[in-house]
All heavy atoms as atom14 arrays in JSON, in Angstrom:
{
  "sequence": "GESETSEFYMSVLLNRSSGRNMIMYSTEGGMDIETVAEETPHLIF",
  "atom14_mask": [
    [1, 1, 1, 1, 0, 0, 0, 0, 0, 0, 0, 0, 0, 0],
    [1, 1, 1, 1, 1, 1, 1, 1, 1, 0, 0, 0, 0, 0],
    [1, 1, 1, 1, 1, 1, 0, 0, 0, 0, 0, 0, 0, 0],
    [1, 1, 1, 1, 1, 1, 1, 1, 1, 0, 0, 0, 0, 0],
    [1, 1, 1, 1, 1, 1, 1, 0, 0, 0, 0, 0, 0, 0],
    [1, 1, 1, 1, 1, 1, 0, 0, 0, 0, 0, 0, 0, 0],
    [1, 1, 1, 1, 1, 1, 1, 1, 1, 0, 0, 0, 0, 0],
    [1, 1, 1, 1, 1, 1, 1, 1, 1, 1, 1, 0, 0, 0],
    [1, 1, 1, 1, 1, 1, 1, 1, 1, 1, 1, 1, 0, 0],
    [1, 1, 1, 1, 1, 1, 1, 1, 0, 0, 0, 0, 0, 0],
    [1, 1, 1, 1, 1, 1, 0, 0, 0, 0, 0, 0, 0, 0],
    [1, 1, 1, 1, 1, 1, 1, 0, 0, 0, 0, 0, 0, 0],
    [1, 1, 1, 1, 1, 1, 1, 1, 0, 0, 0, 0, 0, 0],
    [1, 1, 1, 1, 1, 1, 1, 1, 0, 0, 0, 0, 0, 0],
    [1, 1, 1, 1, 1, 1, 1, 1, 0, 0, 0, 0, 0, 0],
    [1, 1, 1, 1, 1, 1, 1, 1, 1, 1, 1, 0, 0, 0],
    [1, 1, 1, 1, 1, 1, 0, 0, 0, 0, 0, 0, 0, 0],
    [1, 1, 1, 1, 1, 1, 0, 0, 0, 0, 0, 0, 0, 0],
    [1, 1, 1, 1, 0, 0, 0, 0, 0, 0, 0, 0, 0, 0],
    [1, 1, 1, 1, 1, 1, 1, 1, 1, 1, 1, 0, 0, 0],
    [1, 1, 1, 1, 1, 1, 1, 1, 0, 0, 0, 0, 0, 0],
    [1, 1, 1, 1, 1, 1, 1, 1, 0, 0, 0, 0, 0, 0],
    [1, 1, 1, 1, 1, 1, 1, 1, 0, 0, 0, 0, 0, 0],
    [1, 1, 1, 1, 1, 1, 1, 1, 0, 0, 0, 0, 0, 0],
    [1, 1, 1, 1, 1, 1, 1, 1, 1, 1, 1, 1, 0, 0],
    [1, 1, 1, 1, 1, 1, 0, 0, 0, 0, 0, 0, 0, 0],
    [1, 1, 1, 1, 1, 1, 1, 0, 0, 0, 0, 0, 0, 0],
    [1, 1, 1, 1, 1, 1, 1, 1, 1, 0, 0, 0, 0, 0],
    [1, 1, 1, 1, 0, 0, 0, 0, 0, 0, 0, 0, 0, 0],
    [1, 1, 1, 1, 0, 0, 0, 0, 0, 0, 0, 0, 0, 0],
    [1, 1, 1, 1, 1, 1, 1, 1, 0, 0, 0, 0, 0, 0],
    [1, 1, 1, 1, 1, 1, 1, 1, 0, 0, 0, 0, 0, 0],
    [1, 1, 1, 1, 1, 1, 1, 1, 0, 0, 0, 0, 0, 0],
    [1, 1, 1, 1, 1, 1, 1, 1, 1, 0, 0, 0, 0, 0],
    [1, 1, 1, 1, 1, 1, 1, 0, 0, 0, 0, 0, 0, 0],
    [1, 1, 1, 1, 1, 1, 1, 0, 0, 0, 0, 0, 0, 0],
    [1, 1, 1, 1, 1, 0, 0, 0, 0, 0, 0, 0, 0, 0],
    [1, 1, 1, 1, 1, 1, 1, 1, 1, 0, 0, 0, 0, 0],
    [1, 1, 1, 1, 1, 1, 1, 1, 1, 0, 0, 0, 0, 0],
    [1, 1, 1, 1, 1, 1, 1, 0, 0, 0, 0, 0, 0, 0],
    [1, 1, 1, 1, 1, 1, 1, 0, 0, 0, 0, 0, 0, 0],
    [1, 1, 1, 1, 1, 1, 1, 1, 1, 1, 0, 0, 0, 0],
    [1, 1, 1, 1, 1, 1, 1, 1, 0, 0, 0, 0, 0, 0],
    [1, 1, 1, 1, 1, 1, 1, 1, 0, 0, 0, 0, 0, 0],
    [1, 1, 1, 1, 1, 1, 1, 1, 1, 1, 1, 0, 0, 0]
  ],
  "atom14_positions": [
    [[143.59, 51.13, -78.2], [142.99, 50.86, -79.51], [144.04, 50.57, -80.55], [145.16, 50.17, -80.23], [0.0, 0.0, 0.0], [0.0, 0.0, 0.0], [0.0, 0.0, 0.0], [0.0, 0.0, 0.0], [0.0, 0.0, 0.0], [0.0, 0.0, 0.0], [0.0, 0.0, 0.0], [0.0, 0.0, 0.0], [0.0, 0.0, 0.0], [0.0, 0.0, 0.0]],
    [[143.67, 50.84, -81.81], [144.52, 50.44, -82.93], [145.78, 51.27, -83.08], [146.73, 50.87, -83.75], [143.71, 50.5, -84.23], [143.19, 51.91, -84.55], [142.14, 51.92, -85.65], [141.06, 51.39, -85.43], [142.45, 52.49, -86.72], [0.0, 0.0, 0.0], [0.0, 0.0, 0.0], [0.0, 0.0, 0.0], [0.0, 0.0, 0.0], [0.0, 0.0, 0.0]],
    [[145.8, 52.48, -82.48], [146.99, 53.35, -82.6], [147.24, 54.08, -81.3], [146.41, 54.06, -80.38], [146.79, 54.36, -83.74], [145.72, 55.25, -83.42], [0.0, 0.0, 0.0], [0.0, 0.0, 0.0], [0.0, 0.0, 0.0], [0.0, 0.0, 0.0], [0.0, 0.0, 0.0], [0.0, 0.0, 0.0], [0.0, 0.0, 0.0], [0.0, 0.0, 0.0]],
    [[148.4, 54.73, -81.23], [148.74, 55.51, -80.04], [147.94, 56.83, -80.04], [147.65, 57.4, -81.09], [150.23, 55.84, -80.03], [151.14, 54.64, -79.82], [150.99, 54.04, -78.43], [150.87, 54.82, -77.45], [150.95, 52.8, -78.33], [0.0, 0.0, 0.0], [0.0, 0.0, 0.0], [0.0, 0.0, 0.0], [0.0, 0.0, 0.0], [0.0, 0.0, 0.0]],
    [[147.61, 57.29, -78.84], [146.97, 58.6, -78.74], [148.01, 59.7, -78.94], [149.2, 59.5, -78.67], [146.3, 58.79, -77.37], [147.29, 58.68, -76.34], [145.2, 57.77, -77.14], [0.0, 0.0, 0.0], [0.0, 0.0, 0.0], [0.0, 0.0, 0.0], [0.0, 0.0, 0.0], [0.0, 0.0, 0.0], [0.0, 0.0, 0.0], [0.0, 0.0, 0.0]],
    [[147.55, 60.85, -79.42], [148.43, 62.02, -79.6], [147.73, 63.26, -79.1], [146.5, 63.4, -79.28], [148.8, 62.21, -81.08], [149.47, 61.09, -81.59], [0.0, 0.0, 0.0], [0.0, 0.0, 0.0], [0.0, 0.0, 0.0], [0.0, 0.0, 0.0], [0.0, 0.0, 0.0], [0.0, 0.0, 0.0], [0.0, 0.0, 0.0], [0.0, 0.0, 0.0]],
    [[148.49, 64.17, -78.47], [147.93, 65.42, -77.96], [148.49, 66.6, -78.74], [149.7, 66.69, -78.99], [148.26, 65.58, -76.47], [147.55, 64.58, -75.57], [147.84, 64.82, -74.1], [148.94, 65.36, -73.8], [147.0, 64.47, -73.26], [0.0, 0.0, 0.0], [0.0, 0.0, 0.0], [0.0, 0.0, 0.0], [0.0, 0.0, 0.0], [0.0, 0.0, 0.0]],
    [[147.58, 67.53, -79.09], [147.97, 68.74, -79.81], [147.46, 69.96, -79.06], [146.59, 69.86, -78.19], [147.38, 68.74, -81.23], [147.65, 67.48, -82.01], [146.63, 66.58, -82.28], [148.92, 67.19, -82.46], [146.87, 65.41, -82.98], [149.18, 66.03, -83.17], [148.15, 65.13, -83.44], [0.0, 0.0, 0.0], [0.0, 0.0, 0.0], [0.0, 0.0, 0.0]],
    [[148.02, 71.1, -79.42], [147.53, 72.39, -78.9], [146.87, 73.14, -80.05], [147.37, 73.14, -81.18], [148.68, 73.23, -78.35], [148.28, 74.66, -78.03], [147.8, 75.0, -76.76], [148.35, 75.66, -79.0], [147.41, 76.3, -76.47], [147.96, 76.96, -78.71], [147.49, 77.27, -77.45], [147.09, 78.55, -77.17], [0.0, 0.0, 0.0], [0.0, 0.0, 0.0]],
    [[145.73, 73.81, -79.76], [145.09, 74.63, -80.78], [144.31, 75.76, -80.13], [143.62, 75.57, -79.13], [144.15, 73.79, -81.65], [143.66, 74.52, -82.9], [142.74, 73.44, -84.03], [144.03, 72.26, -84.45], [0.0, 0.0, 0.0], [0.0, 0.0, 0.0], [0.0, 0.0, 0.0], [0.0, 0.0, 0.0], [0.0, 0.0, 0.0], [0.0, 0.0, 0.0]],
    [[144.42, 76.94, -80.71], [143.63, 78.08, -80.23], [143.25, 78.95, -81.42], [143.92, 78.94, -82.46], [144.41, 78.9, -79.2], [145.58, 79.47, -79.78], [0.0, 0.0, 0.0], [0.0, 0.0, 0.0], [0.0, 0.0, 0.0], [0.0, 0.0, 0.0], [0.0, 0.0, 0.0], [0.0, 0.0, 0.0], [0.0, 0.0, 0.0], [0.0, 0.0, 0.0]],
    [[142.15, 79.68, -81.25], [141.73, 80.68, -82.22], [141.66, 82.0, -81.47], [141.04, 82.09, -80.4], [140.37, 80.36, -82.85], [140.07, 81.33, -83.99], [140.31, 78.93, -83.34], [0.0, 0.0, 0.0], [0.0, 0.0, 0.0], [0.0, 0.0, 0.0], [0.0, 0.0, 0.0], [0.0, 0.0, 0.0], [0.0, 0.0, 0.0], [0.0, 0.0, 0.0]],
    [[142.3, 83.02, -82.01], [142.37, 84.31, -81.33], [142.63, 85.4, -82.35], [142.85, 85.13, -83.53], [143.44, 84.31, -80.25], [144.91, 84.22, -80.69], [145.82, 84.68, -79.55], [145.29, 82.8, -81.1], [0.0, 0.0, 0.0], [0.0, 0.0, 0.0], [0.0, 0.0, 0.0], [0.0, 0.0, 0.0], [0.0, 0.0, 0.0], [0.0, 0.0, 0.0]],
    [[142.61, 86.65, -81.89], [142.87, 87.79, -82.76], [144.36, 88.12, -82.74], [144.94, 88.3, -81.67], [142.06, 89.01, -82.31], [142.32, 90.32, -83.06], [141.86, 90.2, -84.51], [141.61, 91.48, -82.37], [0.0, 0.0, 0.0], [0.0, 0.0, 0.0], [0.0, 0.0, 0.0], [0.0, 0.0, 0.0], [0.0, 0.0, 0.0], [0.0, 0.0, 0.0]],
    [[144.96, 88.19, -83.91], [146.33, 88.68, -84.04], [146.25, 90.2, -84.1], [145.87, 90.78, -85.12], [146.97, 88.12, -85.31], [148.42, 88.56, -85.45], [148.87, 89.5, -84.79], [149.16, 87.87, -86.31], [0.0, 0.0, 0.0], [0.0, 0.0, 0.0], [0.0, 0.0, 0.0], [0.0, 0.0, 0.0], [0.0, 0.0, 0.0], [0.0, 0.0, 0.0]],
    [[146.58, 90.86, -83.01], [146.39, 92.31, -82.92], [147.3, 93.09, -83.86], [146.99, 94.21, -84.26], [146.58, 92.77, -81.47], [145.54, 92.17, -80.54], [145.62, 92.73, -79.14], [144.65, 92.08, -78.26], [143.37, 92.41, -78.18], [142.9, 93.39, -78.93], [142.55, 91.78, -77.37], [0.0, 0.0, 0.0], [0.0, 0.0, 0.0], [0.0, 0.0, 0.0]],
    [[148.43, 92.53, -84.2], [149.35, 93.25, -85.08], [148.83, 93.32, -86.52], [149.08, 94.29, -87.23], [150.74, 92.61, -85.06], [150.69, 91.27, -85.52], [0.0, 0.0, 0.0], [0.0, 0.0, 0.0], [0.0, 0.0, 0.0], [0.0, 0.0, 0.0], [0.0, 0.0, 0.0], [0.0, 0.0, 0.0], [0.0, 0.0, 0.0], [0.0, 0.0, 0.0]],
    [[148.11, 92.29, -86.94], [147.59, 92.27, -88.32], [146.09, 92.59, -88.37], [145.56, 92.87, -89.44], [147.84, 90.9, -88.96], [147.08, 89.9, -88.3], [0.0, 0.0, 0.0], [0.0, 0.0, 0.0], [0.0, 0.0, 0.0], [0.0, 0.0, 0.0], [0.0, 0.0, 0.0], [0.0, 0.0, 0.0], [0.0, 0.0, 0.0], [0.0, 0.0, 0.0]],
    [[145.42, 92.52, -87.22], [143.98, 92.77, -87.19], [143.17, 91.63, -87.77], [142.01, 91.82, -88.16], [0.0, 0.0, 0.0], [0.0, 0.0, 0.0], [0.0, 0.0, 0.0], [0.0, 0.0, 0.0], [0.0, 0.0, 0.0], [0.0, 0.0, 0.0], [0.0, 0.0, 0.0], [0.0, 0.0, 0.0], [0.0, 0.0, 0.0], [0.0, 0.0, 0.0]],
    [[143.74, 90.43, -87.8], [143.04, 89.28, -88.36], [142.96, 88.15, -87.34], [143.83, 88.0, -86.48], [143.77, 88.76, -89.61], [143.72, 89.73, -90.79], [144.38, 89.1, -92.0], [144.18, 89.93, -93.2], [144.48, 89.53, -94.43], [145.0, 88.32, -94.63], [144.27, 90.32, -95.46], [0.0, 0.0, 0.0], [0.0, 0.0, 0.0], [0.0, 0.0, 0.0]],
    [[141.91, 87.34, -87.46], [141.82, 86.14, -86.63], [142.9, 85.16, -87.05], [143.32, 85.13, -88.22], [140.45, 85.49, -86.77], [139.36, 86.31, -86.12], [139.6, 87.01, -85.13], [138.15, 86.24, -86.66], [0.0, 0.0, 0.0], [0.0, 0.0, 0.0], [0.0, 0.0, 0.0], [0.0, 0.0, 0.0], [0.0, 0.0, 0.0], [0.0, 0.0, 0.0]],
    [[143.33, 84.33, -86.11], [144.46, 83.45, -86.36], [144.24, 82.13, -85.63], [143.76, 82.1, -84.5], [145.73, 84.13, -85.85], [146.98, 83.3, -85.9], [148.42, 84.27, -85.34], [148.13, 84.29, -83.57], [0.0, 0.0, 0.0], [0.0, 0.0, 0.0], [0.0, 0.0, 0.0], [0.0, 0.0, 0.0], [0.0, 0.0, 0.0], [0.0, 0.0, 0.0]],
    [[144.58, 81.05, -86.29], [144.63, 79.74, -85.64], [146.08, 79.47, -85.26], [146.96, 79.51, -86.12], [144.09, 78.63, -86.56], [142.63, 78.89, -86.91], [144.24, 77.26, -85.89], [142.06, 77.91, -87.92], [0.0, 0.0, 0.0], [0.0, 0.0, 0.0], [0.0, 0.0, 0.0], [0.0, 0.0, 0.0], [0.0, 0.0, 0.0], [0.0, 0.0, 0.0]],
    [[146.31, 79.23, -83.98], [147.65, 78.88, -83.51], [147.61, 77.41, -83.08], [146.69, 77.01, -82.37], [148.05, 79.77, -82.33], [149.45, 79.5, -81.8], [149.83, 80.48, -80.32], [149.76, 82.13, -80.97], [0.0, 0.0, 0.0], [0.0, 0.0, 0.0], [0.0, 0.0, 0.0], [0.0, 0.0, 0.0], [0.0, 0.0, 0.0], [0.0, 0.0, 0.0]],
    [[148.59, 76.63, -83.51], [148.53, 75.21, -83.2], [149.94, 74.63, -83.08], [150.91, 75.2, -83.56], [147.71, 74.45, -84.24], [148.21, 74.58, -85.67], [148.89, 73.54, -86.28], [147.97, 75.73, -86.43], [149.34, 73.63, -87.59], [148.41, 75.84, -87.73], [149.1, 74.79, -88.32], [149.55, 74.89, -89.61], [0.0, 0.0, 0.0], [0.0, 0.0, 0.0]],
    [[150.02, 73.48, -82.41], [151.32, 72.86, -82.18], [151.15, 71.37, -81.95], [150.09, 70.9, -81.49], [151.99, 73.49, -80.95], [153.2, 72.82, -80.61], [0.0, 0.0, 0.0], [0.0, 0.0, 0.0], [0.0, 0.0, 0.0], [0.0, 0.0, 0.0], [0.0, 0.0, 0.0], [0.0, 0.0, 0.0], [0.0, 0.0, 0.0], [0.0, 0.0, 0.0]],
    [[152.2, 70.63, -82.25], [152.22, 69.2, -81.96], [152.43, 68.94, -80.47], [152.22, 67.82, -79.99], [153.34, 68.51, -82.73], [154.58, 69.2, -82.45], [153.08, 68.54, -84.23], [0.0, 0.0, 0.0], [0.0, 0.0, 0.0], [0.0, 0.0, 0.0], [0.0, 0.0, 0.0], [0.0, 0.0, 0.0], [0.0, 0.0, 0.0], [0.0, 0.0, 0.0]],
    [[152.84, 69.98, -79.75], [153.17, 69.82, -78.32], [151.95, 70.15, -77.45], [151.91, 71.15, -76.74], [154.34, 70.72, -77.94], [155.57, 70.52, -78.8], [156.04, 69.07, -78.8], [156.52, 68.61, -77.74], [155.93, 68.4, -79.84], [0.0, 0.0, 0.0], [0.0, 0.0, 0.0], [0.0, 0.0, 0.0], [0.0, 0.0, 0.0], [0.0, 0.0, 0.0]],
    [[150.94, 69.32, -77.49], [149.74, 69.53, -76.69], [149.91, 69.03, -75.28], [150.8, 68.21, -74.98], [0.0, 0.0, 0.0], [0.0, 0.0, 0.0], [0.0, 0.0, 0.0], [0.0, 0.0, 0.0], [0.0, 0.0, 0.0], [0.0, 0.0, 0.0], [0.0, 0.0, 0.0], [0.0, 0.0, 0.0], [0.0, 0.0, 0.0], [0.0, 0.0, 0.0]],
    [[149.07, 69.54, -74.36], [149.13, 69.13, -72.97], [150.2, 69.84, -72.17], [150.34, 69.63, -70.97], [0.0, 0.0, 0.0], [0.0, 0.0, 0.0], [0.0, 0.0, 0.0], [0.0, 0.0, 0.0], [0.0, 0.0, 0.0], [0.0, 0.0, 0.0], [0.0, 0.0, 0.0], [0.0, 0.0, 0.0], [0.0, 0.0, 0.0], [0.0, 0.0, 0.0]],
    [[150.98, 70.71, -72.83], [152.03, 71.48, -72.15], [151.63, 72.94, -72.1], [150.72, 73.38, -72.81], [153.36, 71.35, -72.9], [153.94, 69.96, -72.96], [155.46, 69.92, -73.94], [156.51, 71.06, -73.06], [0.0, 0.0, 0.0], [0.0, 0.0, 0.0], [0.0, 0.0, 0.0], [0.0, 0.0, 0.0], [0.0, 0.0, 0.0], [0.0, 0.0, 0.0]],
    [[152.34, 73.72, -71.28], [152.15, 75.17, -71.29], [152.64, 75.7, -72.62], [153.82, 75.54, -72.97], [152.94, 75.84, -70.15], [152.38, 75.47, -68.79], [151.19, 75.17, -68.71], [153.16, 75.49, -67.81], [0.0, 0.0, 0.0], [0.0, 0.0, 0.0], [0.0, 0.0, 0.0], [0.0, 0.0, 0.0], [0.0, 0.0, 0.0], [0.0, 0.0, 0.0]],
    [[151.76, 76.35, -73.36], [152.15, 76.84, -74.69], [153.23, 77.91, -74.56], [154.07, 78.08, -75.46], [150.92, 77.36, -75.47], [151.26, 77.53, -76.95], [150.39, 78.65, -74.87], [151.61, 76.24, -77.67], [0.0, 0.0, 0.0], [0.0, 0.0, 0.0], [0.0, 0.0, 0.0], [0.0, 0.0, 0.0], [0.0, 0.0, 0.0], [0.0, 0.0, 0.0]],
    [[153.26, 78.62, -73.42], [154.3, 79.63, -73.2], [155.68, 78.97, -73.15], [156.66, 79.51, -73.66], [154.04, 80.41, -71.91], [152.8, 81.28, -71.92], [151.53, 80.51, -71.58], [151.63, 79.29, -71.28], [150.45, 81.11, -71.63], [0.0, 0.0, 0.0], [0.0, 0.0, 0.0], [0.0, 0.0, 0.0], [0.0, 0.0, 0.0], [0.0, 0.0, 0.0]],
    [[155.75, 77.79, -72.52], [157.01, 77.05, -72.44], [157.44, 76.58, -73.82], [158.63, 76.65, -74.18], [156.86, 75.85, -71.49], [156.43, 76.3, -70.21], [158.17, 75.1, -71.35], [0.0, 0.0, 0.0], [0.0, 0.0, 0.0], [0.0, 0.0, 0.0], [0.0, 0.0, 0.0], [0.0, 0.0, 0.0], [0.0, 0.0, 0.0], [0.0, 0.0, 0.0]],
    [[156.48, 76.1, -74.6], [156.78, 75.64, -75.96], [157.32, 76.81, -76.79], [158.31, 76.68, -77.52], [155.53, 75.06, -76.64], [155.84, 74.64, -78.07], [155.0, 73.87, -75.85], [0.0, 0.0, 0.0], [0.0, 0.0, 0.0], [0.0, 0.0, 0.0], [0.0, 0.0, 0.0], [0.0, 0.0, 0.0], [0.0, 0.0, 0.0], [0.0, 0.0, 0.0]],
    [[156.66, 77.98, -76.66], [157.07, 79.16, -77.42], [158.49, 79.6, -77.06], [159.25, 80.07, -77.9], [156.09, 80.3, -77.18], [0.0, 0.0, 0.0], [0.0, 0.0, 0.0], [0.0, 0.0, 0.0], [0.0, 0.0, 0.0], [0.0, 0.0, 0.0], [0.0, 0.0, 0.0], [0.0, 0.0, 0.0], [0.0, 0.0, 0.0], [0.0, 0.0, 0.0]],
    [[158.84, 79.43, -75.79], [160.15, 79.87, -75.31], [161.26, 78.89, -75.69], [162.35, 79.29, -76.11], [160.11, 80.04, -73.79], [161.38, 80.6, -73.19], [161.28, 80.79, -71.68], [160.15, 80.89, -71.16], [162.34, 80.85, -71.02], [0.0, 0.0, 0.0], [0.0, 0.0, 0.0], [0.0, 0.0, 0.0], [0.0, 0.0, 0.0], [0.0, 0.0, 0.0]],
    [[160.97, 77.59, -75.54], [162.01, 76.58, -75.71], [162.07, 75.98, -77.11], [163.16, 75.66, -77.61], [161.82, 75.47, -74.67], [161.94, 75.97, -73.23], [161.69, 74.88, -72.21], [161.41, 73.72, -72.62], [161.77, 75.17, -71.0], [0.0, 0.0, 0.0], [0.0, 0.0, 0.0], [0.0, 0.0, 0.0], [0.0, 0.0, 0.0], [0.0, 0.0, 0.0]],
    [[160.91, 75.8, -77.75], [160.88, 75.21, -79.09], [159.9, 75.97, -79.99], [158.86, 75.43, -80.4], [160.46, 73.72, -79.02], [159.23, 73.63, -78.26], [161.52, 72.87, -78.36], [0.0, 0.0, 0.0], [0.0, 0.0, 0.0], [0.0, 0.0, 0.0], [0.0, 0.0, 0.0], [0.0, 0.0, 0.0], [0.0, 0.0, 0.0], [0.0, 0.0, 0.0]],
    [[160.21, 77.23, -80.29], [159.27, 78.07, -81.06], [158.96, 77.52, -82.46], [157.91, 77.83, -83.01], [159.98, 79.42, -81.13], [161.42, 79.13, -80.88], [161.44, 77.97, -79.95], [0.0, 0.0, 0.0], [0.0, 0.0, 0.0], [0.0, 0.0, 0.0], [0.0, 0.0, 0.0], [0.0, 0.0, 0.0], [0.0, 0.0, 0.0], [0.0, 0.0, 0.0]],
    [[159.87, 76.7, -83.01], [159.65, 76.15, -84.36], [158.51, 75.13, -84.38], [158.04, 74.74, -85.46], [160.94, 75.51, -84.89], [161.43, 74.36, -84.04], [162.07, 74.55, -82.83], [161.36, 73.01, -84.23], [162.38, 73.38, -82.32], [161.97, 72.44, -83.14], [0.0, 0.0, 0.0], [0.0, 0.0, 0.0], [0.0, 0.0, 0.0], [0.0, 0.0, 0.0]],
    [[158.06, 74.72, -83.2], [156.96, 73.74, -83.12], [155.59, 74.41, -83.02], [154.59, 73.73, -82.85], [157.18, 72.81, -81.93], [158.43, 71.92, -82.0], [158.56, 71.08, -80.74], [158.39, 71.02, -83.24], [0.0, 0.0, 0.0], [0.0, 0.0, 0.0], [0.0, 0.0, 0.0], [0.0, 0.0, 0.0], [0.0, 0.0, 0.0], [0.0, 0.0, 0.0]],
    [[155.56, 75.73, -83.1], [154.29, 76.46, -83.08], [154.01, 76.99, -84.49], [154.85, 77.65, -85.11], [154.31, 77.61, -82.07], [154.42, 77.06, -80.65], [153.05, 78.47, -82.2], [154.47, 78.12, -79.59], [0.0, 0.0, 0.0], [0.0, 0.0, 0.0], [0.0, 0.0, 0.0], [0.0, 0.0, 0.0], [0.0, 0.0, 0.0], [0.0, 0.0, 0.0]],
    [[152.82, 76.68, -84.99], [152.4, 77.13, -86.32], [151.24, 78.1, -86.2], [150.47, 78.04, -85.22], [151.95, 75.93, -87.17], [152.98, 74.85, -87.33], [153.06, 73.81, -86.42], [153.88, 74.87, -88.39], [154.0, 72.8, -86.55], [154.83, 73.88, -88.53], [154.89, 72.83, -87.61], [0.0, 0.0, 0.0], [0.0, 0.0, 0.0], [0.0, 0.0, 0.0]]
  ]
}
């Protein structure tokens, strides 16, 4: 189509340390999020 496709990661879960729900997301979609967290943690928001 008119632009390139892009893949992202997104999850909604409970942050147990704060007791609040949290949206976790990253530009590095389609990969193991554990690998992203280990190798490029600055890419996880």
